[in-house]
């Protein structure tokens, strides 16, 4: 039997391939889970679970809570588009910084 035909060698290669696949899958899944949430909004009225692509980012809303990842658009633009798609917002924040009352009023107009 040649070394290249050894069952032990085949088992080792399979194990390495399986561990590599598992490592890559875990890293990709962890990265997807830790993708920064840039936008958070509280809607004035609840909606059914929905998601929309707004200005190159996915916005997911469930009940009165909406979240979205980073976008190249200005936060005020994203806020206004959320209002257009899901209804008026009670609060809106970009990277943890909440809009003040004046910015929120403009967003809801």
PDB file of N, CA and C in Angstrom:
ATOM      1  N   UNK A   1       0.854  -1.170   0.000  1.00  0.00           N
ATOM      2  CA  UNK A   1       0.000   0.000   0.000  1.00  0.00           C
ATOM      3  C   UNK A   1       0.902   1.235   0.000  1.00  0.00           C
ATOM      4  N   UNK A   2       0.575   2.161  -0.864  1.00  0.00           N
ATOM      5  CA  UNK A   2       1.329   3.406  -0.930  1.00  0.00           C
ATOM      6  C   UNK A   2       0.880   4.338   0.182  1.00  0.00           C
ATOM      7  N   UNK A   3       1.784   5.235   0.559  1.00  0.00           N
ATOM      8  CA  UNK A   3       1.455   6.214   1.599  1.00  0.00           C
ATOM      9  C   UNK A   3       0.270   7.073   1.177  1.00  0.00           C
ATOM     10  N   UNK A   4       0.178   7.372  -0.137  1.00  0.00           N
ATOM     11  CA  UNK A   4      -0.917   8.202  -0.628  1.00  0.00           C
ATOM     12  C   UNK A   4      -2.257   7.481  -0.542  1.00  0.00           C
ATOM     13  N   UNK A   5      -2.255   6.170  -0.366  1.00  0.00           N
ATOM     14  CA  UNK A   5      -3.485   5.397  -0.279  1.00  0.00           C
ATOM     15  C   UNK A   5      -3.805   4.998   1.167  1.00  0.00           C
ATOM     16  N   UNK A   6      -3.057   5.471   2.102  1.00  0.00           N
ATOM     17  CA  UNK A   6      -3.226   5.097   3.505  1.00  0.00           C
ATOM     18  C   UNK A   6      -4.539   5.633   4.073  1.00  0.00           C
ATOM     19  N   UNK A   7      -5.314   4.768   4.757  1.00  0.00           N
ATOM     20  CA  UNK A   7      -6.558   5.240   5.378  1.00  0.00           C
ATOM     21  C   UNK A   7      -6.286   6.300   6.456  1.00  0.00           C
ATOM     22  N   UNK A   8      -5.166   6.178   7.145  1.00  0.00           N
ATOM     23  CA  UNK A   8      -4.819   7.166   8.168  1.00  0.00           C
ATOM     24  C   UNK A   8      -4.589   8.526   7.539  1.00  0.00           C
ATOM     25  N   UNK A   9      -3.880   8.539   6.418  1.00  0.00           N
ATOM     26  CA  UNK A   9      -3.622   9.798   5.710  1.00  0.00           C
ATOM     27  C   UNK A   9      -4.939  10.416   5.244  1.00  0.00           C
ATOM     28  N   UNK A  10      -5.828   9.602   4.714  1.00  0.00           N
ATOM     29  CA  UNK A  10      -7.118  10.103   4.251  1.00  0.00           C
ATOM     30  C   UNK A  10      -7.922  10.676   5.418  1.00  0.00           C
ATOM     31  N   UNK A  11      -7.881  10.013   6.564  1.00  0.00           N
ATOM     32  CA  UNK A  11      -8.600  10.497   7.738  1.00  0.00           C
ATOM     33  C   UNK A  11      -8.024  11.822   8.227  1.00  0.00           C
ATOM     34  N   UNK A  12      -6.710  11.956   8.196  1.00  0.00           N
ATOM     35  CA  UNK A  12      -6.066  13.205   8.626  1.00  0.00           C
ATOM     36  C   UNK A  12      -6.444  14.348   7.681  1.00  0.00           C
ATOM     37  N   UNK A  13      -6.401  14.081   6.391  1.00  0.00           N
ATOM     38  CA  UNK A  13      -6.754  15.120   5.409  1.00  0.00           C
ATOM     39  C   UNK A  13      -8.221  15.523   5.576  1.00  0.00           C
ATOM     40  N   UNK A  14      -9.099  14.544   5.765  1.00  0.00           N
ATOM     41  CA  UNK A  14     -10.513  14.841   5.981  1.00  0.00           C
ATOM     42  C   UNK A  14     -10.705  15.685   7.237  1.00  0.00           C
ATOM     43  N   UNK A  15     -10.005  15.329   8.310  1.00  0.00           N
ATOM     44  CA  UNK A  15     -10.120  16.074   9.571  1.00  0.00           C
ATOM     45  C   UNK A  15      -9.658  17.510   9.407  1.00  0.00           C
ATOM     46  N   UNK A  16      -8.554  17.699   8.716  1.00  0.00           N
ATOM     47  CA  UNK A  16      -8.048  19.058   8.482  1.00  0.00           C
ATOM     48  C   UNK A  16      -9.043  19.857   7.647  1.00  0.00           C
ATOM     49  N   UNK A  17      -9.589  19.243   6.609  1.00  0.00           N
ATOM     50  CA  UNK A  17     -10.566  19.934   5.766  1.00  0.00           C
ATOM     51  C   UNK A  17     -11.817  20.292   6.567  1.00  0.00           C
ATOM     52  N   UNK A  18     -12.282  19.362   7.402  1.00  0.00           N
ATOM     53  CA  UNK A  18     -13.478  19.617   8.205  1.00  0.00           C
ATOM     54  C   UNK A  18     -13.241  20.744   9.200  1.00  0.00           C
ATOM     55  N   UNK A  19     -12.091  20.732   9.870  1.00  0.00           N
ATOM     56  CA  UNK A  19     -11.775  21.794  10.833  1.00  0.00           C
ATOM     57  C   UNK A  19     -11.634  23.147  10.147  1.00  0.00           C
ATOM     58  N   UNK A  20     -11.026  23.153   8.973  1.00  0.00           N
ATOM     59  CA  UNK A  20     -10.882  24.401   8.221  1.00  0.00           C
ATOM     60  C   UNK A  20     -12.255  24.942   7.842  1.00  0.00           C
ATOM     61  N   UNK A  21     -13.124  24.081   7.346  1.00  0.00           N
ATOM     62  CA  UNK A  21     -14.475  24.504   6.975  1.00  0.00           C
ATOM     63  C   UNK A  21     -15.232  25.039   8.178  1.00  0.00           C
ATOM     64  N   UNK A  22     -15.150  24.340   9.290  1.00  0.00           N
ATOM     65  CA  UNK A  22     -15.828  24.767  10.506  1.00  0.00           C
ATOM     66  C   UNK A  22     -15.305  26.116  10.986  1.00  0.00           C
ATOM     67  N   UNK A  23     -13.993  26.296  10.933  1.00  0.00           N
ATOM     68  CA  UNK A  23     -13.387  27.559  11.354  1.00  0.00           C
ATOM     69  C   UNK A  23     -13.857  28.706  10.467  1.00  0.00           C
ATOM     70  N   UNK A  24     -13.857  28.496   9.160  1.00  0.00           N
ATOM     71  CA  UNK A  24     -14.294  29.548   8.240  1.00  0.00           C
ATOM     72  C   UNK A  24     -15.772  29.861   8.427  1.00  0.00           C
ATOM     73  N   UNK A  25     -16.596  28.834   8.604  1.00  0.00           N
ATOM     74  CA  UNK A  25     -18.024  29.055   8.819  1.00  0.00           C
ATOM     75  C   UNK A  25     -18.263  29.830  10.101  1.00  0.00           C
ATOM     76  N   UNK A  26     -17.582  29.448  11.159  1.00  0.00           N
ATOM     77  CA  UNK A  26     -17.734  30.120  12.453  1.00  0.00           C
ATOM     78  C   UNK A  26     -17.299  31.576  12.353  1.00  0.00           C
ATOM     79  N   UNK A  27     -16.189  31.829  11.689  1.00  0.00           N
ATOM     80  CA  UNK A  27     -15.700  33.201  11.544  1.00  0.00           C
ATOM     81  C   UNK A  27     -16.675  34.040  10.736  1.00  0.00           C
ATOM     82  N   UNK A  28     -17.223  33.483   9.660  1.00  0.00           N
ATOM     83  CA  UNK A  28     -18.166  34.213   8.829  1.00  0.00           C
ATOM     84  C   UNK A  28     -19.451  34.498   9.590  1.00  0.00           C
ATOM     85  N   UNK A  29     -19.946  33.513  10.320  1.00  0.00           N
ATOM     86  CA  UNK A  29     -21.165  33.696  11.101  1.00  0.00           C
ATOM     87  C   UNK A  29     -20.953  34.721  12.205  1.00  0.00           C
ATOM     88  N   UNK A  30     -19.818  34.650  12.871  1.00  0.00           N
ATOM     89  CA  UNK A  30     -19.525  35.612  13.942  1.00  0.00           C
ATOM     90  C   UNK A  30     -19.428  37.019  13.377  1.00  0.00           C
ATOM     91  N   UNK A  31     -18.815  37.156  12.209  1.00  0.00           N
ATOM     92  CA  UNK A  31     -18.701  38.471  11.597  1.00  0.00           C
ATOM     93  C   UNK A  31     -20.082  39.004  11.241  1.00  0.00           C
ATOM     94  N   UNK A  32     -20.945  38.154  10.713  1.00  0.00           N
ATOM     95  CA  UNK A  32     -22.298  38.590  10.358  1.00  0.00           C
ATOM     96  C   UNK A  32     -23.062  39.038  11.595  1.00  0.00           C
ATOM     97  N   UNK A  33     -22.889  38.325  12.711  1.00  0.00           N
ATOM     98  CA  UNK A  33     -23.592  38.694  13.931  1.00  0.00           C
ATOM     99  C   UNK A  33     -23.043  39.977  14.530  1.00  0.00           C
ATOM    100  N   UNK A  34     -21.752  40.234  14.341  1.00  0.00           N
ATOM    101  CA  UNK A  34     -21.156  41.402  14.963  1.00  0.00           C
ATOM    102  C   UNK A  34     -21.082  42.606  14.030  1.00  0.00           C
ATOM    103  N   UNK A  35     -21.680  42.470  12.837  1.00  0.00           N
ATOM    104  CA  UNK A  35     -21.732  43.619  11.961  1.00  0.00           C
ATOM    105  C   UNK A  35     -22.434  44.731  12.709  1.00  0.00           C
ATOM    106  N   UNK A  36     -21.801  45.853  12.769  1.00  0.00           N
ATOM    107  CA  UNK A  36     -22.289  46.955  13.596  1.00  0.00           C
ATOM    108  C   UNK A  36     -23.671  47.415  13.167  1.00  0.00           C
ATOM    109  N   UNK A  37     -24.513  47.590  14.140  1.00  0.00           N
ATOM    110  CA  UNK A  37     -25.817  48.194  13.899  1.00  0.00           C
ATOM    111  C   UNK A  37     -25.600  49.692  13.998  1.00  0.00           C
ATOM    112  N   UNK A  38     -25.827  50.363  12.902  1.00  0.00           N
ATOM    113  CA  UNK A  38     -25.590  51.802  12.870  1.00  0.00           C
ATOM    114  C   UNK A  38     -26.852  52.592  13.181  1.00  0.00           C
ATOM    115  N   UNK A  39     -28.005  52.082  12.747  1.00  0.00           N
ATOM    116  CA  UNK A  39     -29.254  52.821  12.899  1.00  0.00           C
ATOM    117  C   UNK A  39     -30.221  52.065  13.793  1.00  0.00           C
ATOM    118  N   UNK A  40     -30.829  52.763  14.707  1.00  0.00           N
ATOM    119  CA  UNK A  40     -31.916  52.200  15.511  1.00  0.00           C
ATOM    120  C   UNK A  40     -33.055  53.205  15.516  1.00  0.00           C
ATOM    121  N   UNK A  41     -34.257  52.690  15.401  1.00  0.00           N
ATOM    122  CA  UNK A  41     -35.433  53.565  15.410  1.00  0.00           C
ATOM    123  C   UNK A  41     -36.546  52.894  16.194  1.00  0.00           C
ATOM    124  N   UNK A  42     -37.307  53.695  16.875  1.00  0.00           N
ATOM    125  CA  UNK A  42     -38.512  53.235  17.565  1.00  0.00           C
ATOM    126  C   UNK A  42     -39.678  53.861  16.819  1.00  0.00           C
ATOM    127  N   UNK A  43     -40.532  53.030  16.258  1.00  0.00           N
ATOM    128  CA  UNK A  43     -41.684  53.522  15.509  1.00  0.00           C
ATOM    129  C   UNK A  43     -42.790  53.932  16.466  1.00  0.00           C
ATOM    130  N   UNK A  44     -43.623  54.862  16.036  1.00  0.00           N
ATOM    131  CA  UNK A  44     -44.751  55.282  16.856  1.00  0.00           C
ATOM    132  C   UNK A  44     -45.849  54.228  16.881  1.00  0.00           C
ATOM    133  N   UNK A  45     -45.951  53.435  15.823  1.00  0.00           N
ATOM    134  CA  UNK A  45     -46.964  52.374  15.751  1.00  0.00           C
ATOM    135  C   UNK A  45     -46.278  51.080  15.308  1.00  0.00           C
ATOM    136  N   UNK A  46     -46.663  49.959  15.871  1.00  0.00           N
ATOM    137  CA  UNK A  46     -46.021  48.694  15.510  1.00  0.00           C
ATOM    138  C   UNK A  46     -46.333  48.272  14.076  1.00  0.00           C
ATOM    139  N   UNK A  47     -45.389  47.538  13.502  1.00  0.00           N
ATOM    140  CA  UNK A  47     -45.560  46.965  12.168  1.00  0.00           C
ATOM    141  C   UNK A  47     -45.264  45.470  12.256  1.00  0.00           C
ATOM    142  N   UNK A  48     -45.756  44.735  11.268  1.00  0.00           N
ATOM    143  CA  UNK A  48     -45.394  43.328  11.196  1.00  0.00           C
ATOM    144  C   UNK A  48     -43.923  43.245  10.826  1.00  0.00           C
ATOM    145  N   UNK A  49     -43.299  42.141  11.146  1.00  0.00           N
ATOM    146  CA  UNK A  49     -41.881  41.966  10.821  1.00  0.00           C
ATOM    147  C   UNK A  49     -41.676  42.193   9.322  1.00  0.00           C
ATOM    148  N   UNK A  50     -40.754  43.074   8.994  1.00  0.00           N
ATOM    149  CA  UNK A  50     -40.476  43.402   7.600  1.00  0.00           C
ATOM    150  C   UNK A  50     -39.053  43.903   7.469  1.00  0.00           C
ATOM    151  N   UNK A  51     -38.556  43.837   6.263  1.00  0.00           N
ATOM    152  CA  UNK A  51     -37.251  44.438   5.988  1.00  0.00           C
ATOM    153  C   UNK A  51     -37.302  45.109   4.632  1.00  0.00           C
ATOM    154  N   UNK A  52     -36.592  46.196   4.527  1.00  0.00           N
ATOM    155  CA  UNK A  52     -36.510  46.979   3.296  1.00  0.00           C
ATOM    156  C   UNK A  52     -35.065  47.379   3.067  1.00  0.00           C
ATOM    157  N   UNK A  53     -34.683  47.467   1.820  1.00  0.00           N
ATOM    158  CA  UNK A  53     -33.375  48.016   1.489  1.00  0.00           C
ATOM    159  C   UNK A  53     -33.586  49.505   1.285  1.00  0.00           C
ATOM    160  N   UNK A  54     -32.967  50.267   2.152  1.00  0.00           N
ATOM    161  CA  UNK A  54     -33.116  51.721   2.132  1.00  0.00           C
ATOM    162  C   UNK A  54     -31.728  52.328   1.966  1.00  0.00           C
ATOM    163  N   UNK A  55     -31.539  52.995   0.851  1.00  0.00           N
ATOM    164  CA  UNK A  55     -30.264  53.679   0.591  1.00  0.00           C
ATOM    165  C   UNK A  55     -29.060  52.768   0.859  1.00  0.00           C
ATOM    166  N   UNK A  56     -29.055  51.626   0.263  1.00  0.00           N
ATOM    167  CA  UNK A  56     -27.961  50.639   0.269  1.00  0.00           C
ATOM    168  C   UNK A  56     -27.718  49.931   1.599  1.00  0.00           C
ATOM    169  N   UNK A  57     -28.693  49.941   2.497  1.00  0.00           N
ATOM    170  CA  UNK A  57     -28.583  49.157   3.726  1.00  0.00           C
ATOM    171  C   UNK A  57     -29.914  48.473   4.015  1.00  0.00           C
ATOM    172  N   UNK A  58     -29.852  47.331   4.649  1.00  0.00           N
ATOM    173  CA  UNK A  58     -31.070  46.608   5.008  1.00  0.00           C
ATOM    174  C   UNK A  58     -31.558  47.119   6.357  1.00  0.00           C
ATOM    175  N   UNK A  59     -32.808  47.529   6.389  1.00  0.00           N
ATOM    176  CA  UNK A  59     -33.452  47.971   7.621  1.00  0.00           C
ATOM    177  C   UNK A  59     -34.491  46.904   7.972  1.00  0.00           C
ATOM    178  N   UNK A  60     -34.373  46.365   9.182  1.00  0.00           N
ATOM    179  CA  UNK A  60     -35.301  45.340   9.667  1.00  0.00           C
ATOM    180  C   UNK A  60     -36.151  45.925  10.787  1.00  0.00           C
ATOM    181  N   UNK A  61     -37.460  45.757  10.653  1.00  0.00           N
ATOM    182  CA  UNK A  61     -38.380  46.255  11.671  1.00  0.00           C
ATOM    183  C   UNK A  61     -39.268  45.119  12.165  1.00  0.00           C
ATOM    184  N   UNK A  62     -39.452  45.090  13.460  1.00  0.00           N
ATOM    185  CA  UNK A  62     -40.362  44.150  14.112  1.00  0.00           C
ATOM    186  C   UNK A  62     -41.049  44.903  15.236  1.00  0.00           C
ATOM    187  N   UNK A  63     -42.371  44.867  15.229  1.00  0.00           N
ATOM    188  CA  UNK A  63     -43.099  45.636  16.246  1.00  0.00           C
ATOM    189  C   UNK A  63     -42.811  47.111  16.058  1.00  0.00           C
ATOM    190  N   UNK A  64     -42.251  47.728  17.079  1.00  0.00           N
ATOM    191  CA  UNK A  64     -41.915  49.152  16.971  1.00  0.00           C
ATOM    192  C   UNK A  64     -40.412  49.386  16.851  1.00  0.00           C
ATOM    193  N   UNK A  65     -39.617  48.315  16.777  1.00  0.00           N
ATOM    194  CA  UNK A  65     -38.163  48.463  16.729  1.00  0.00           C
ATOM    195  C   UNK A  65     -37.621  48.217  15.324  1.00  0.00           C
ATOM    196  N   UNK A  66     -36.742  49.110  14.890  1.00  0.00           N
ATOM    197  CA  UNK A  66     -36.073  48.966  13.603  1.00  0.00           C
ATOM    198  C   UNK A  66     -34.566  49.078  13.820  1.00  0.00           C
ATOM    199  N   UNK A  67     -33.811  48.281  13.058  1.00  0.00           N
ATOM    200  CA  UNK A  67     -32.350  48.355  13.097  1.00  0.00           C
ATOM    201  C   UNK A  67     -31.816  48.287  11.684  1.00  0.00           C
ATOM    202  N   UNK A  68     -30.635  48.850  11.491  1.00  0.00           N
ATOM    203  CA  UNK A  68     -30.007  48.802  10.175  1.00  0.00           C
ATOM    204  C   UNK A  68     -28.510  48.959  10.279  1.00  0.00           C
ATOM    205  N   UNK A  69     -27.811  48.409   9.312  1.00  0.00           N
ATOM    206  CA  UNK A  69     -26.361  48.500   9.259  1.00  0.00           C
ATOM    207  C   UNK A  69     -25.902  49.818   8.671  1.00  0.00           C
ATOM    208  N   UNK A  70     -24.602  49.945   8.560  1.00  0.00           N
ATOM    209  CA  UNK A  70     -23.979  51.169   8.043  1.00  0.00           C
ATOM    210  C   UNK A  70     -24.428  51.451   6.613  1.00  0.00           C
ATOM    211  N   UNK A  71     -24.560  52.706   6.291  1.00  0.00           N
ATOM    212  CA  UNK A  71     -24.937  53.155   4.959  1.00  0.00           C
ATOM    213  C   UNK A  71     -24.059  54.339   4.575  1.00  0.00           C
ATOM    214  N   UNK A  72     -23.973  54.578   3.293  1.00  0.00           N
ATOM    215  CA  UNK A  72     -23.205  55.738   2.844  1.00  0.00           C
ATOM    216  C   UNK A  72     -24.053  57.010   2.871  1.00  0.00           C
ATOM    217  N   UNK A  73     -25.331  56.861   3.163  1.00  0.00           N
ATOM    218  CA  UNK A  73     -26.232  58.018   3.220  1.00  0.00           C
ATOM    219  C   UNK A  73     -26.191  58.683   4.591  1.00  0.00           C
ATOM    220  N   UNK A  74     -26.609  59.920   4.618  1.00  0.00           N
ATOM    221  CA  UNK A  74     -26.658  60.675   5.871  1.00  0.00           C
ATOM    222  C   UNK A  74     -27.739  60.091   6.781  1.00  0.00           C
ATOM    223  N   UNK A  75     -27.518  60.118   8.091  1.00  0.00           N
ATOM    224  CA  UNK A  75     -28.515  59.584   9.021  1.00  0.00           C
ATOM    225  C   UNK A  75     -29.902  60.208   8.853  1.00  0.00           C
ATOM    226  N   UNK A  76     -29.962  61.505   8.592  1.00  0.00           N
ATOM    227  CA  UNK A  76     -31.270  62.155   8.428  1.00  0.00           C
ATOM    228  C   UNK A  76     -32.011  61.593   7.210  1.00  0.00           C
ATOM    229  N   UNK A  77     -31.258  61.197   6.169  1.00  0.00           N
ATOM    230  CA  UNK A  77     -31.863  60.604   4.980  1.00  0.00           C
ATOM    231  C   UNK A  77     -32.438  59.228   5.312  1.00  0.00           C
ATOM    232  N   UNK A  78     -31.673  58.427   6.046  1.00  0.00           N
ATOM    233  CA  UNK A  78     -32.140  57.097   6.439  1.00  0.00           C
ATOM    234  C   UNK A  78     -33.378  57.230   7.321  1.00  0.00           C
ATOM    235  N   UNK A  79     -33.353  58.154   8.256  1.00  0.00           N
ATOM    236  CA  UNK A  79     -34.500  58.373   9.138  1.00  0.00           C
ATOM    237  C   UNK A  79     -35.744  58.713   8.318  1.00  0.00           C
ATOM    238  N   UNK A  80     -35.613  59.643   7.385  1.00  0.00           N
ATOM    239  CA  UNK A  80     -36.757  60.048   6.557  1.00  0.00           C
ATOM    240  C   UNK A  80     -37.280  58.876   5.721  1.00  0.00           C
ATOM    241  N   UNK A  81     -36.381  58.045   5.223  1.00  0.00           N
ATOM    242  CA  UNK A  81     -36.799  56.884   4.424  1.00  0.00           C
ATOM    243  C   UNK A  81     -37.499  55.833   5.296  1.00  0.00           C
ATOM    244  N   UNK A  82     -37.046  55.675   6.536  1.00  0.00           N
ATOM    245  CA  UNK A  82     -37.737  54.758   7.463  1.00  0.00           C
ATOM    246  C   UNK A  82     -39.157  55.255   7.697  1.00  0.00           C
ATOM    247  N   UNK A  83     -39.308  56.567   7.881  1.00  0.00           N
ATOM    248  CA  UNK A  83     -40.641  57.156   8.061  1.00  0.00           C
ATOM    249  C   UNK A  83     -41.496  56.887   6.819  1.00  0.00           C
ATOM    250  N   UNK A  84     -40.923  57.052   5.626  1.00  0.00           N
ATOM    251  CA  UNK A  84     -41.662  56.793   4.387  1.00  0.00           C
ATOM    252  C   UNK A  84     -42.121  55.338   4.286  1.00  0.00           C
ATOM    253  N   UNK A  85     -41.258  54.419   4.674  1.00  0.00           N
ATOM    254  CA  UNK A  85     -41.549  52.990   4.523  1.00  0.00           C
ATOM    255  C   UNK A  85     -42.390  52.407   5.655  1.00  0.00           C
ATOM    256  N   UNK A  86     -42.132  52.841   6.900  1.00  0.00           N
ATOM    257  CA  UNK A  86     -42.739  52.184   8.059  1.00  0.00           C
ATOM    258  C   UNK A  86     -43.638  53.086   8.907  1.00  0.00           C
ATOM    259  N   UNK A  87     -43.570  54.390   8.710  1.00  0.00           N
ATOM    260  CA  UNK A  87     -44.395  55.304   9.503  1.00  0.00           C
ATOM    261  C   UNK A  87     -43.546  56.150  10.437  1.00  0.00           C
ATOM    262  N   UNK A  88     -44.186  57.111  11.121  1.00  0.00           N
ATOM    263  CA  UNK A  88     -43.471  58.043  11.994  1.00  0.00           C
ATOM    264  C   UNK A  88     -42.662  57.337  13.077  1.00  0.00           C
ATOM    265  N   UNK A  89     -41.542  57.965  13.450  1.00  0.00           N
ATOM    266  CA  UNK A  89     -40.666  57.404  14.476  1.00  0.00           C
ATOM    267  C   UNK A  89     -40.797  58.203  15.773  1.00  0.00           C
ATOM    268  N   UNK A  90     -40.723  57.476  16.885  1.00  0.00           N
ATOM    269  CA  UNK A  90     -40.735  58.113  18.203  1.00  0.00           C
ATOM    270  C   UNK A  90     -39.321  58.490  18.611  1.00  0.00           C
ATOM    271  N   UNK A  91     -38.337  57.712  18.105  1.00  0.00           N
ATOM    272  CA  UNK A  91     -36.934  58.028  18.366  1.00  0.00           C
ATOM    273  C   UNK A  91     -36.095  57.447  17.228  1.00  0.00           C
ATOM    274  N   UNK A  92     -34.922  58.037  17.052  1.00  0.00           N
ATOM    275  CA  UNK A  92     -33.995  57.573  16.020  1.00  0.00           C
ATOM    276  C   UNK A  92     -32.587  57.856  16.509  1.00  0.00           C
ATOM    277  N   UNK A  93     -31.692  56.893  16.305  1.00  0.00           N
ATOM    278  CA  UNK A  93     -30.294  57.082  16.721  1.00  0.00           C
ATOM    279  C   UNK A  93     -29.365  56.545  15.648  1.00  0.00           C
ATOM    280  N   UNK A  94     -28.247  57.219  15.515  1.00  0.00           N
ATOM    281  CA  UNK A  94     -27.185  56.778  14.609  1.00  0.00           C
ATOM    282  C   UNK A  94     -25.950  56.518  15.454  1.00  0.00           C
ATOM    283  N   UNK A  95     -25.492  55.272  15.433  1.00  0.00           N
ATOM    284  CA  UNK A  95     -24.328  54.831  16.216  1.00  0.00           C
ATOM    285  C   UNK A  95     -24.457  55.240  17.682  1.00  0.00           C
ATOM    286  N   UNK A  96     -25.650  55.060  18.223  1.00  0.00           N
ATOM    287  CA  UNK A  96     -25.876  55.320  19.640  1.00  0.00           C
ATOM    288  C   UNK A  96     -26.207  56.757  20.006  1.00  0.00           C
ATOM    289  N   UNK A  97     -26.079  57.669  19.061  1.00  0.00           N
ATOM    290  CA  UNK A  97     -26.398  59.074  19.339  1.00  0.00           C
ATOM    291  C   UNK A  97     -27.802  59.388  18.852  1.00  0.00           C
ATOM    292  N   UNK A  98     -28.688  59.672  19.799  1.00  0.00           N
ATOM    293  CA  UNK A  98     -30.094  59.912  19.481  1.00  0.00           C
ATOM    294  C   UNK A  98     -30.289  61.278  18.832  1.00  0.00           C
ATOM    295  N   UNK A  99     -31.232  61.323  17.908  1.00  0.00           N
ATOM    296  CA  UNK A  99     -31.636  62.594  17.323  1.00  0.00           C
ATOM    297  C   UNK A  99     -32.310  63.422  18.409  1.00  0.00           C
ATOM    298  N   UNK A 100     -32.075  64.731  18.391  1.00  0.00           N
ATOM    299  CA  UNK A 100     -32.785  65.605  19.321  1.00  0.00           C
ATOM    300  C   UNK A 100     -34.195  65.843  18.786  1.00  0.00           C
ATOM    301  N   UNK A 101     -35.008  66.546  19.560  1.00  0.00           N
ATOM    302  CA  UNK A 101     -36.416  66.763  19.203  1.00  0.00           C
ATOM    303  C   UNK A 101     -36.556  67.454  17.852  1.00  0.00           C
ATOM    304  N   UNK A 102     -35.692  68.423  17.589  1.00  0.00           N
ATOM    305  CA  UNK A 102     -35.777  69.168  16.314  1.00  0.00           C
ATOM    306  C   UNK A 102     -35.456  68.259  15.129  1.00  0.00           C
ATOM    307  N   UNK A 103     -34.404  67.477  15.224  1.00  0.00           N
ATOM    308  CA  UNK A 103     -34.033  66.557  14.135  1.00  0.00           C
ATOM    309  C   UNK A 103     -35.099  65.499  13.944  1.00  0.00           C
ATOM    310  N   UNK A 104     -35.667  65.033  15.038  1.00  0.00           N
ATOM    311  CA  UNK A 104     -36.731  64.031  14.960  1.00  0.00           C
ATOM    312  C   UNK A 104     -37.976  64.592  14.276  1.00  0.00           C
ATOM    313  N   UNK A 105     -38.301  65.841  14.579  1.00  0.00           N
ATOM    314  CA  UNK A 105     -39.456  66.495  13.944  1.00  0.00           C
ATOM    315  C   UNK A 105     -39.235  66.629  12.438  1.00  0.00           C
ATOM    316  N   UNK A 106     -38.007  66.995  12.023  1.00  0.00           N
ATOM    317  CA  UNK A 106     -37.713  67.096  10.589  1.00  0.00           C
ATOM    318  C   UNK A 106     -37.803  65.733   9.925  1.00  0.00           C
ATOM    319  N   UNK A 107     -37.349  64.735  10.635  1.00  0.00           N
ATOM    320  CA  UNK A 107     -37.399  63.377  10.096  1.00  0.00           C
ATOM    321  C   UNK A 107     -38.835  62.938   9.843  1.00  0.00           C
ATOM    322  N   UNK A 108     -39.729  63.259  10.743  1.00  0.00           N
ATOM    323  CA  UNK A 108     -41.122  62.849  10.634  1.00  0.00           C
ATOM    324  C   UNK A 108     -41.947  63.681   9.655  1.00  0.00           C
ATOM    325  N   UNK A 109     -41.399  64.796   9.164  1.00  0.00           N
ATOM    326  CA  UNK A 109     -42.139  65.660   8.213  1.00  0.00           C
ATOM    327  C   UNK A 109     -42.207  65.054   6.851  1.00  0.00           C
TER     328      UNK A 109
END
